[in-house]
Every structure is written in structure tokens, then in C-alpha cells.
Amino acid sequence: MTVKTKLMSAVAGLAMMTGAQAALAAGHGGEITVGYFLEWPMPFQFAKVNGTYEEEMGVKINWVSFDTGTAMSAAMASGDVQMSVSQGVPPFVVATSAGQDLQIIDVAVSYSDNDNCVVRSDLEIDKDSADELAGKKVAVPLGTAAHYGFLKQMSHFGVDLASLDVVDMAPAEGAAALSQSSVDMACGWGGALRRMKESGNVLLTGAEKEQLGILVFDVTSAPAGFVAEESELVAKFLKVTADANAMWADEANHAKMLPVIAKDAGMDEAATAATLAGFVFPSVDEQMSAKWLGGGAQEFMKGVAEVFVESGSIGSALESYAATVNTGPLAAAKGM
């Protein structure tokens, strides 16, 4: 199965499942399910562990970890998950382009060095010899931020995608395959990316990628029906998240928060601190600005969609992604 047909079949499946979102309007029955990533440490986990979300929201929360943002989309489409924290923008774009009625409700984290592609060391390929990647085997989690970054980098280096053997692998699988020399390059994030770097080198740094317009940020997303029916509940969730981010912004709180976040992320404290050092958590005011949800994110999503269409990964893009952003709950959270 080709890369295109793999992703297109996933898109078709998401489109078929969106009807399940209507069931969300029936109510959450006093509990909701929220998706997140392991080995992806964030301040919200301090509030998660301490039960702050449940205390402030008045509902039981089932936290479920995922390997990829595409899996989050599928879980939200089926009605199994009501919100996803730190979903990558590309998987969100893939889902909404296919007709899934999801909305971005906040900017969860901005990062550029925590998502990348790594080339096996023994190949001795760097940014000056990237054309040597032609004919190589690459592990890429399709429809994710890593996939988007991979496509943009290959375009920048002039590497013909048709010349590559692209295999759909979650980051952890890609890291293992790279270490075993089963693939020549692997793309991913978080703990998996750190393991990849033990076996190879990146082609471009985060700063170099940003110069090419490869922004890397994640969002908190939710089915539009759930946001409409439970806007106050969603606002309370975002308020707790914003408070945790503000708490982390004060370095005096790091000693108290780091051990808790590390344990919940399934990481040691050193790795957690190193990962968090590369993360930026925009304040509510910053998120509402033109750079982010005031227009920048919508324009960026359009660009992501066009890259995916051009590569044949998705069939078409939406005319505009403005309707996929709902700042109502975030604005309400600011007033709480």
C-alpha cells in the first residue's frame, strides 16, 4: 500500500466516523475522557496528578495516552475521547480536511527542536549532502507534525518523494528501527526523538526549520459538538491548564513540579527537564494574538493542508480553516 493510499484510507475512515460525534450532545454523564501523550512532559500534568481538573470541573476524567495525533482524531471521531491535549496541527488538519468537525480550543505548546527527522550515523548524510537520501528507507508517522516537517524538508532539499521508501511508523517504532539499521532515517518527537539521536543526526536544527516556515506547535482539540454543548466545562479545563502553565513559568516552582511531571510522563527528571527546556507555553493573551489563534494558526493550517495535497497525502484542503478555531472557551477561561 502506498503512502498516499494509507493516509487516504485513514482519512476516509475518519469521515465515516464523524456521525458518532452527534452522540456527544446527549451529555457526558458526569465523566469525560481526555487524550494526551506519554514521554511528552507538560505543566498540565502537575494539575492532572493532583486532581485539579476534576476538582474545578466537577467531573471524573479518564486520561488515555496515545502514540500519535492521528489516533487522537480517530478516538474523538468515534466519541471515545472528548478532548485531546497537545494534538499536532498536521493530524488536526488531516482530520478536518476530511470533514471531521473538530475545533482547536487552545495552543498547547510551541516547539521546534522537539520534532525532527534523524539520519542514521553511518550514512554520514547532513544538510550539505541531503540529496544522498534518494532511494533510502524512511520511517514517518503519517499525518503528523513529523510528517509535515519531513515533507517540507525534502522539498527544501529537492529530494524526490517518489525515490524514497516511506514506511508509516509511530515514533517509538521508528526509533527502534533506526537503531537496528532497518531504516535509514526516522522522524518523530519527544522521548523517541531523543533515542533516534543516539543513532544518528538531524538534517536541520529547530531554528533552521523555522527559517523555512516549518513551525511546530500542538493544540488542544475537541469535537465541535462537545465544545458547543459543554462550553463552560471546556473553559474550566483551559483555565486549569493556563494556571499550570503560569505556575511552570515561574522557575521557583520547578523543583516542586518537575518530579510530578516526570513520573506522569514516564520519564526521568533529567530527560524531562531537557525536553521542557525546548518547550514554550504561550499565555492566554499570547494565544489570542494575531500570531496564534487570532489568524496565524488558521493561515498556517492552510499551508499545511496545501503541502499535504501537493504531496498526494490528502485529496483536498478546506477553503479556509477559520471555522476550525473556537476561541470562545479560552476567552471565557481568561475571565474566570
Foldseek 3Di string as FASTA:
>chain_A
DDLQVVLAVLLLLLLVLQVLLVVCLVDDVQEFEEEEAFLQFDLLLLCVVVVVLCVLLVGHYHYDYDLALSVVSSCQSNVNHFKYAFHWLQLVQSNVQSPRQKAFAFFRWWFQQFWAKWFFAVVVDALVRVLVCFQFEEEEQPRGLNNLLVLLSCVVSVHDPVRYRYDRDRLQVRLVCLQVVVGGMYIYGGPSVVSNVVRGGGRDGSVRSVVSVSIITGTMMGRPSNCVSPVQSLLSSVLSSLVSLVQVVPVVCCVVRQVSSQVVSVHDSVSSVVSVVRIDGDHLVRCCDCCHLVPVVFVSSQVSQVSCCVVSNYVHGDPTCNSNYDHVSSVVSVVD
